[in-house]
Amino acid sequence: MGNRTSMERAADAEDPNLNMEDCCVCKSPIDEEQGDIRGYFGIIPTCFCVWCMSSITDMVIQLNGFDDIDVLQERIDELKSEH
């Protein structure tokens, strides 16, 4: 097999740490065919239903101010200037 990343192992369901059946936030059953995900949150094996993943993503957007067009444009300009 060689050195595979945790996400590669998770994608192939080879990682026994990712055999969880329920969302780590709301405890709803995980169904990857519906968009639910399994992976690592840092070093912690985890899985999120599509609703909780969407909520986590939205929280990150809000906490970083990316829901404010001026803040978002400033960040885009910074990224452009880096290249």
PDB file of N, CA and C in Angstrom:
ATOM      1  N   MET A   1       0.793  -1.191   0.000  1.00  0.00           N
ATOM      2  CA  MET A   1       0.000   0.000   0.000  1.00  0.00           C
ATOM      3  C   MET A   1       0.842   1.264   0.000  1.00  0.00           C
ATOM      4  N   GLY A   2       1.945   1.273   0.700  1.00  0.00           N
ATOM      5  CA  GLY A   2       2.754   2.480   0.753  1.00  0.00           C
ATOM      6  C   GLY A   2       2.199   3.492   1.739  1.00  0.00           C
ATOM      7  N   ASN A   3       2.725   4.695   1.667  1.00  0.00           N
ATOM      8  CA  ASN A   3       2.275   5.759   2.565  1.00  0.00           C
ATOM      9  C   ASN A   3       1.101   6.500   1.945  1.00  0.00           C
ATOM     10  N   ARG A   4      -0.082   6.207   2.424  1.00  0.00           N
ATOM     11  CA  ARG A   4      -1.289   6.857   1.923  1.00  0.00           C
ATOM     12  C   ARG A   4      -1.778   7.843   2.971  1.00  0.00           C
ATOM     13  N   THR A   5      -2.373   8.922   2.526  1.00  0.00           N
ATOM     14  CA  THR A   5      -2.905   9.906   3.461  1.00  0.00           C
ATOM     15  C   THR A   5      -4.142   9.355   4.141  1.00  0.00           C
ATOM     16  N   SER A   6      -4.512   9.979   5.248  1.00  0.00           N
ATOM     17  CA  SER A   6      -5.709   9.540   5.967  1.00  0.00           C
ATOM     18  C   SER A   6      -6.952   9.705   5.107  1.00  0.00           C
ATOM     19  N   MET A   7      -6.986  10.738   4.280  1.00  0.00           N
ATOM     20  CA  MET A   7      -8.146  10.948   3.411  1.00  0.00           C
ATOM     21  C   MET A   7      -8.219   9.880   2.328  1.00  0.00           C
ATOM     22  N   GLU A   8      -7.071   9.432   1.822  1.00  0.00           N
ATOM     23  CA  GLU A   8      -7.071   8.356   0.836  1.00  0.00           C
ATOM     24  C   GLU A   8      -7.569   7.056   1.464  1.00  0.00           C
ATOM     25  N   ARG A   9      -7.120   6.774   2.682  1.00  0.00           N
ATOM     26  CA  ARG A   9      -7.600   5.570   3.377  1.00  0.00           C
ATOM     27  C   ARG A   9      -9.086   5.674   3.669  1.00  0.00           C
ATOM     28  N   ALA A  10      -9.525   6.864   4.078  1.00  0.00           N
ATOM     29  CA  ALA A  10     -10.946   7.062   4.387  1.00  0.00           C
ATOM     30  C   ALA A  10     -11.803   6.862   3.144  1.00  0.00           C
ATOM     31  N   ALA A  11     -11.311   7.367   2.012  1.00  0.00           N
ATOM     32  CA  ALA A  11     -12.067   7.237   0.763  1.00  0.00           C
ATOM     33  C   ALA A  11     -12.257   5.776   0.380  1.00  0.00           C
ATOM     34  N   ASP A  12     -11.296   4.950   0.720  1.00  0.00           N
ATOM     35  CA  ASP A  12     -11.388   3.525   0.421  1.00  0.00           C
ATOM     36  C   ASP A  12     -11.966   2.719   1.576  1.00  0.00           C
ATOM     37  N   ALA A  13     -12.399   3.406   2.624  1.00  0.00           N
ATOM     38  CA  ALA A  13     -12.945   2.768   3.827  1.00  0.00           C
ATOM     39  C   ALA A  13     -11.957   1.779   4.428  1.00  0.00           C
ATOM     40  N   GLU A  14     -10.646   2.072   4.304  1.00  0.00           N
ATOM     41  CA  GLU A  14      -9.630   1.200   4.868  1.00  0.00           C
ATOM     42  C   GLU A  14      -9.272   1.592   6.297  1.00  0.00           C
ATOM     43  N   ASP A  15      -9.644   2.776   6.703  1.00  0.00           N
ATOM     44  CA  ASP A  15      -9.252   3.269   8.005  1.00  0.00           C
ATOM     45  C   ASP A  15     -10.281   2.829   9.048  1.00  0.00           C
ATOM     46  N   PRO A  16      -9.910   1.920   9.937  1.00  0.00           N
ATOM     47  CA  PRO A  16     -10.871   1.423  10.923  1.00  0.00           C
ATOM     48  C   PRO A  16     -11.351   2.506  11.885  1.00  0.00           C
ATOM     49  N   ASN A  17     -10.620   3.612  11.997  1.00  0.00           N
ATOM     50  CA  ASN A  17     -11.040   4.705  12.872  1.00  0.00           C
ATOM     51  C   ASN A  17     -12.262   5.440  12.333  1.00  0.00           C
ATOM     52  N   LEU A  18     -12.573   5.247  11.058  1.00  0.00           N
ATOM     53  CA  LEU A  18     -13.664   5.991  10.434  1.00  0.00           C
ATOM     54  C   LEU A  18     -14.909   5.138  10.210  1.00  0.00           C
ATOM     55  N   ASN A  19     -15.065   4.127  11.028  1.00  0.00           N
ATOM     56  CA  ASN A  19     -16.228   3.242  10.900  1.00  0.00           C
ATOM     57  C   ASN A  19     -17.430   3.742  11.697  1.00  0.00           C
ATOM     58  N   MET A  20     -17.470   5.019  12.002  1.00  0.00           N
ATOM     59  CA  MET A  20     -18.582   5.575  12.764  1.00  0.00           C
ATOM     60  C   MET A  20     -19.848   5.566  11.913  1.00  0.00           C
ATOM     61  N   GLU A  21     -20.959   5.378  12.558  1.00  0.00           N
ATOM     62  CA  GLU A  21     -22.237   5.280  11.857  1.00  0.00           C
ATOM     63  C   GLU A  21     -23.068   6.546  11.957  1.00  0.00           C
ATOM     64  N   ASP A  22     -22.753   7.412  12.931  1.00  0.00           N
ATOM     65  CA  ASP A  22     -23.567   8.600  13.193  1.00  0.00           C
ATOM     66  C   ASP A  22     -22.738   9.873  13.120  1.00  0.00           C
ATOM     67  N   CYS A  23     -23.402  10.971  12.765  1.00  0.00           N
ATOM     68  CA  CYS A  23     -22.777  12.288  12.734  1.00  0.00           C
ATOM     69  C   CYS A  23     -22.234  12.609  14.124  1.00  0.00           C
ATOM     70  N   CYS A  24     -21.045  13.149  14.173  1.00  0.00           N
ATOM     71  CA  CYS A  24     -20.408  13.473  15.449  1.00  0.00           C
ATOM     72  C   CYS A  24     -21.048  14.678  16.144  1.00  0.00           C
ATOM     73  N   VAL A  25     -21.898  15.419  15.454  1.00  0.00           N
ATOM     74  CA  VAL A  25     -22.561  16.573  16.058  1.00  0.00           C
ATOM     75  C   VAL A  25     -23.987  16.229  16.454  1.00  0.00           C
ATOM     76  N   CYS A  26     -24.803  15.819  15.479  1.00  0.00           N
ATOM     77  CA  CYS A  26     -26.245  15.648  15.744  1.00  0.00           C
ATOM     78  C   CYS A  26     -26.672  14.191  15.912  1.00  0.00           C
ATOM     79  N   LYS A  27     -25.760  13.269  15.678  1.00  0.00           N
ATOM     80  CA  LYS A  27     -26.015  11.829  15.837  1.00  0.00           C
ATOM     81  C   LYS A  27     -26.963  11.233  14.801  1.00  0.00           C
ATOM     82  N   SER A  28     -27.221  11.948  13.690  1.00  0.00           N
ATOM     83  CA  SER A  28     -28.041  11.352  12.638  1.00  0.00           C
ATOM     84  C   SER A  28     -27.201  10.320  11.884  1.00  0.00           C
ATOM     85  N   PRO A  29     -27.838   9.314  11.297  1.00  0.00           N
ATOM     86  CA  PRO A  29     -27.098   8.280  10.569  1.00  0.00           C
ATOM     87  C   PRO A  29     -26.317   8.887   9.387  1.00  0.00           C
ATOM     88  N   ILE A  30     -25.110   8.385   9.181  1.00  0.00           N
ATOM     89  CA  ILE A  30     -24.262   8.856   8.084  1.00  0.00           C
ATOM     90  C   ILE A  30     -24.621   8.107   6.808  1.00  0.00           C
ATOM     91  N   ASP A  31     -24.807   8.863   5.738  1.00  0.00           N
ATOM     92  CA  ASP A  31     -25.091   8.306   4.416  1.00  0.00           C
ATOM     93  C   ASP A  31     -24.248   9.077   3.407  1.00  0.00           C
ATOM     94  N   GLU A  32     -23.098   8.508   3.055  1.00  0.00           N
ATOM     95  CA  GLU A  32     -22.176   9.197   2.158  1.00  0.00           C
ATOM     96  C   GLU A  32     -22.772   9.444   0.779  1.00  0.00           C
ATOM     97  N   GLU A  33     -23.746   8.644   0.378  1.00  0.00           N
ATOM     98  CA  GLU A  33     -24.397   8.864  -0.913  1.00  0.00           C
ATOM     99  C   GLU A  33     -25.237  10.143  -0.902  1.00  0.00           C
ATOM    100  N   GLN A  34     -25.574  10.639   0.283  1.00  0.00           N
ATOM    101  CA  GLN A  34     -26.347  11.873   0.408  1.00  0.00           C
ATOM    102  C   GLN A  34     -25.456  13.091   0.669  1.00  0.00           C
ATOM    103  N   GLY A  35     -24.139  12.904   0.660  1.00  0.00           N
ATOM    104  CA  GLY A  35     -23.218  14.021   0.850  1.00  0.00           C
ATOM    105  C   GLY A  35     -22.557  14.081   2.213  1.00  0.00           C
ATOM    106  N   ASP A  36     -22.869  13.142   3.099  1.00  0.00           N
ATOM    107  CA  ASP A  36     -22.218  13.103   4.407  1.00  0.00           C
ATOM    108  C   ASP A  36     -20.751  12.740   4.214  1.00  0.00           C
ATOM    109  N   ILE A  37     -19.898  13.164   5.151  1.00  0.00           N
ATOM    110  CA  ILE A  37     -18.463  12.926   4.981  1.00  0.00           C
ATOM    111  C   ILE A  37     -17.843  12.257   6.197  1.00  0.00           C
ATOM    112  N   ARG A  38     -16.766  11.540   5.941  1.00  0.00           N
ATOM    113  CA  ARG A  38     -15.932  10.935   6.977  1.00  0.00           C
ATOM    114  C   ARG A  38     -14.514  11.435   6.733  1.00  0.00           C
ATOM    115  N   GLY A  39     -13.803  11.694   7.803  1.00  0.00           N
ATOM    116  CA  GLY A  39     -12.427  12.142   7.669  1.00  0.00           C
ATOM    117  C   GLY A  39     -11.852  12.475   9.018  1.00  0.00           C
ATOM    118  N   TYR A  40     -10.850  13.315   9.016  1.00  0.00           N
ATOM    119  CA  TYR A  40     -10.174  13.702  10.244  1.00  0.00           C
ATOM    120  C   TYR A  40     -10.331  15.190  10.487  1.00  0.00           C
ATOM    121  N   PHE A  41     -10.672  15.537  11.714  1.00  0.00           N
ATOM    122  CA  PHE A  41     -10.722  16.916  12.187  1.00  0.00           C
ATOM    123  C   PHE A  41      -9.429  17.082  12.962  1.00  0.00           C
ATOM    124  N   GLY A  42      -8.366  17.529  12.255  1.00  0.00           N
ATOM    125  CA  GLY A  42      -7.023  17.475  12.844  1.00  0.00           C
ATOM    126  C   GLY A  42      -6.611  16.021  12.892  1.00  0.00           C
ATOM    127  N   ILE A  43      -6.400  15.506  14.103  1.00  0.00           N
ATOM    128  CA  ILE A  43      -6.030  14.090  14.249  1.00  0.00           C
ATOM    129  C   ILE A  43      -7.200  13.243  14.739  1.00  0.00           C
ATOM    130  N   ILE A  44      -8.354  13.859  14.901  1.00  0.00           N
ATOM    131  CA  ILE A  44      -9.513  13.165  15.460  1.00  0.00           C
ATOM    132  C   ILE A  44     -10.394  12.615  14.345  1.00  0.00           C
ATOM    133  N   PRO A  45     -10.602  11.292  14.309  1.00  0.00           N
ATOM    134  CA  PRO A  45     -11.509  10.731  13.313  1.00  0.00           C
ATOM    135  C   PRO A  45     -12.915  11.276  13.555  1.00  0.00           C
ATOM    136  N   THR A  46     -13.580  11.660  12.478  1.00  0.00           N
ATOM    137  CA  THR A  46     -14.900  12.272  12.627  1.00  0.00           C
ATOM    138  C   THR A  46     -15.747  12.032  11.394  1.00  0.00           C
ATOM    139  N   CYS A  47     -17.029  12.304  11.518  1.00  0.00           N
ATOM    140  CA  CYS A  47     -17.919  12.290  10.368  1.00  0.00           C
ATOM    141  C   CYS A  47     -19.024  13.315  10.623  1.00  0.00           C
ATOM    142  N   PHE A  48     -19.468  13.929   9.552  1.00  0.00           N
ATOM    143  CA  PHE A  48     -20.496  14.954   9.640  1.00  0.00           C
ATOM    144  C   PHE A  48     -21.573  14.684   8.597  1.00  0.00           C
ATOM    145  N   CYS A  49     -22.828  14.868   9.014  1.00  0.00           N
ATOM    146  CA  CYS A  49     -23.908  14.825   8.037  1.00  0.00           C
ATOM    147  C   CYS A  49     -23.828  16.105   7.203  1.00  0.00           C
ATOM    148  N   VAL A  50     -24.516  16.130   6.099  1.00  0.00           N
ATOM    149  CA  VAL A  50     -24.454  17.274   5.197  1.00  0.00           C
ATOM    150  C   VAL A  50     -24.945  18.552   5.887  1.00  0.00           C
ATOM    151  N   TRP A  51     -25.912  18.429   6.792  1.00  0.00           N
ATOM    152  CA  TRP A  51     -26.450  19.603   7.480  1.00  0.00           C
ATOM    153  C   TRP A  51     -25.445  20.183   8.460  1.00  0.00           C
ATOM    154  N   CYS A  52     -24.788  19.323   9.229  1.00  0.00           N
ATOM    155  CA  CYS A  52     -23.792  19.812  10.192  1.00  0.00           C
ATOM    156  C   CYS A  52     -22.561  20.344   9.475  1.00  0.00           C
ATOM    157  N   MET A  53     -22.147  19.684   8.392  1.00  0.00           N
ATOM    158  CA  MET A  53     -21.004  20.183   7.625  1.00  0.00           C
ATOM    159  C   MET A  53     -21.298  21.560   7.058  1.00  0.00           C
ATOM    160  N   SER A  54     -22.497  21.758   6.557  1.00  0.00           N
ATOM    161  CA  SER A  54     -22.908  23.055   6.038  1.00  0.00           C
ATOM    162  C   SER A  54     -22.892  24.110   7.147  1.00  0.00           C
ATOM    163  N   SER A  55     -23.348  23.730   8.329  1.00  0.00           N
ATOM    164  CA  SER A  55     -23.359  24.660   9.459  1.00  0.00           C
ATOM    165  C   SER A  55     -21.948  25.019   9.908  1.00  0.00           C
ATOM    166  N   ILE A  56     -21.048  24.053   9.917  1.00  0.00           N
ATOM    167  CA  ILE A  56     -19.659  24.311  10.291  1.00  0.00           C
ATOM    168  C   ILE A  56     -19.022  25.252   9.279  1.00  0.00           C
ATOM    169  N   THR A  57     -19.260  25.001   7.997  1.00  0.00           N
ATOM    170  CA  THR A  57     -18.733  25.862   6.941  1.00  0.00           C
ATOM    171  C   THR A  57     -19.266  27.280   7.083  1.00  0.00           C
ATOM    172  N   ASP A  58     -20.552  27.412   7.346  1.00  0.00           N
ATOM    173  CA  ASP A  58     -21.154  28.728   7.528  1.00  0.00           C
ATOM    174  C   ASP A  58     -20.555  29.450   8.728  1.00  0.00           C
ATOM    175  N   MET A  59     -20.298  28.731   9.810  1.00  0.00           N
ATOM    176  CA  MET A  59     -19.704  29.338  10.992  1.00  0.00           C
ATOM    177  C   MET A  59     -18.306  29.879  10.683  1.00  0.00           C
ATOM    178  N   VAL A  60     -17.510  29.115   9.948  1.00  0.00           N
ATOM    179  CA  VAL A  60     -16.166  29.562   9.571  1.00  0.00           C
ATOM    180  C   VAL A  60     -16.254  30.825   8.711  1.00  0.00           C
ATOM    181  N   ILE A  61     -17.183  30.851   7.781  1.00  0.00           N
ATOM    182  CA  ILE A  61     -17.384  32.029   6.931  1.00  0.00           C
ATOM    183  C   ILE A  61     -17.710  33.246   7.798  1.00  0.00           C
ATOM    184  N   GLN A  62     -18.631  33.087   8.738  1.00  0.00           N
ATOM    185  CA  GLN A  62     -19.017  34.196   9.606  1.00  0.00           C
ATOM    186  C   GLN A  62     -17.881  34.646  10.519  1.00  0.00           C
ATOM    187  N   LEU A  63     -17.172  33.684  11.121  1.00  0.00           N
ATOM    188  CA  LEU A  63     -16.097  34.030  12.057  1.00  0.00           C
ATOM    189  C   LEU A  63     -14.940  34.755  11.380  1.00  0.00           C
ATOM    190  N   ASN A  64     -14.735  34.479  10.096  1.00  0.00           N
ATOM    191  CA  ASN A  64     -13.660  35.135   9.356  1.00  0.00           C
ATOM    192  C   ASN A  64     -14.121  36.383   8.625  1.00  0.00           C
ATOM    193  N   GLY A  65     -15.390  36.724   8.773  1.00  0.00           N
ATOM    194  CA  GLY A  65     -15.912  37.930   8.144  1.00  0.00           C
ATOM    195  C   GLY A  65     -16.150  37.796   6.658  1.00  0.00           C
ATOM    196  N   PHE A  66     -16.127  36.574   6.132  1.00  0.00           N
ATOM    197  CA  PHE A  66     -16.276  36.390   4.694  1.00  0.00           C
ATOM    198  C   PHE A  66     -17.716  36.553   4.220  1.00  0.00           C
ATOM    199  N   ASP A  67     -18.631  36.820   5.154  1.00  0.00           N
ATOM    200  CA  ASP A  67     -19.994  37.138   4.761  1.00  0.00           C
ATOM    201  C   ASP A  67     -20.156  38.644   4.543  1.00  0.00           C
ATOM    202  N   ASP A  68     -19.072  39.387   4.744  1.00  0.00           N
ATOM    203  CA  ASP A  68     -19.024  40.835   4.496  1.00  0.00           C
ATOM    204  C   ASP A  68     -18.259  41.042   3.190  1.00  0.00           C
ATOM    205  N   ILE A  69     -18.901  41.611   2.190  1.00  0.00           N
ATOM    206  CA  ILE A  69     -18.304  41.745   0.851  1.00  0.00           C
ATOM    207  C   ILE A  69     -16.999  42.534   0.871  1.00  0.00           C
ATOM    208  N   ASP A  70     -16.893  43.552   1.730  1.00  0.00           N
ATOM    209  CA  ASP A  70     -15.659  44.343   1.801  1.00  0.00           C
ATOM    210  C   ASP A  70     -14.503  43.519   2.364  1.00  0.00           C
ATOM    211  N   VAL A  71     -14.764  42.746   3.416  1.00  0.00           N
ATOM    212  CA  VAL A  71     -13.730  41.884   3.996  1.00  0.00           C
ATOM    213  C   VAL A  71     -13.319  40.822   2.986  1.00  0.00           C
ATOM    214  N   LEU A  72     -14.278  40.251   2.312  1.00  0.00           N
ATOM    215  CA  LEU A  72     -13.997  39.222   1.323  1.00  0.00           C
ATOM    216  C   LEU A  72     -13.167  39.792   0.168  1.00  0.00           C
ATOM    217  N   GLN A  73     -13.517  40.973  -0.311  1.00  0.00           N
ATOM    218  CA  GLN A  73     -12.762  41.595  -1.401  1.00  0.00           C
ATOM    219  C   GLN A  73     -11.333  41.908  -0.968  1.00  0.00           C
ATOM    220  N   GLU A  74     -11.174  42.354   0.274  1.00  0.00           N
ATOM    221  CA  GLU A  74      -9.832  42.635   0.805  1.00  0.00           C
ATOM    222  C   GLU A  74      -8.987  41.364   0.805  1.00  0.00           C
ATOM    223  N   ARG A  75      -9.580  40.253   1.232  1.00  0.00           N
ATOM    224  CA  ARG A  75      -8.856  38.980   1.251  1.00  0.00           C
ATOM    225  C   ARG A  75      -8.514  38.510  -0.158  1.00  0.00           C
ATOM    226  N   ILE A  76      -9.425  38.697  -1.087  1.00  0.00           N
ATOM    227  CA  ILE A  76      -9.159  38.327  -2.478  1.00  0.00           C
ATOM    228  C   ILE A  76      -7.990  39.152  -3.018  1.00  0.00           C
ATOM    229  N   ASP A  77      -7.989  40.451  -2.737  1.00  0.00           N
ATOM    230  CA  ASP A  77      -6.895  41.321  -3.175  1.00  0.00           C
ATOM    231  C   ASP A  77      -5.563  40.893  -2.573  1.00  0.00           C
ATOM    232  N   GLU A  78      -5.571  40.495  -1.282  1.00  0.00           N
ATOM    233  CA  GLU A  78      -4.355  40.015  -0.643  1.00  0.00           C
ATOM    234  C   GLU A  78      -3.838  38.759  -1.342  1.00  0.00           C
ATOM    235  N   LEU A  79      -4.721  37.855  -1.646  1.00  0.00           N
ATOM    236  CA  LEU A  79      -4.315  36.617  -2.320  1.00  0.00           C
ATOM    237  C   LEU A  79      -3.753  36.890  -3.709  1.00  0.00           C
ATOM    238  N   LYS A  80      -4.366  37.832  -4.423  1.00  0.00           N
ATOM    239  CA  LYS A  80      -3.871  38.178  -5.750  1.00  0.00           C
ATOM    240  C   LYS A  80      -2.473  38.779  -5.674  1.00  0.00           C
ATOM    241  N   SER A  81      -2.224  39.596  -4.665  1.00  0.00           N
ATOM    242  CA  SER A  81      -0.923  40.253  -4.554  1.00  0.00           C
ATOM    243  C   SER A  81       0.189  39.278  -4.143  1.00  0.00           C
ATOM    244  N   GLU A  82      -0.183  38.161  -3.566  1.00  0.00           N
ATOM    245  CA  GLU A  82       0.802  37.148  -3.167  1.00  0.00           C
ATOM    246  C   GLU A  82       1.369  36.392  -4.368  1.00  0.00           C
ATOM    247  N   HIS A  83       0.673  36.444  -5.481  1.00  0.00           N
ATOM    248  CA  HIS A  83       1.105  35.665  -6.657  1.00  0.00           C
ATOM    249  C   HIS A  83       1.644  36.529  -7.699  1.00  0.00           C
TER     250      HIS A  83
END
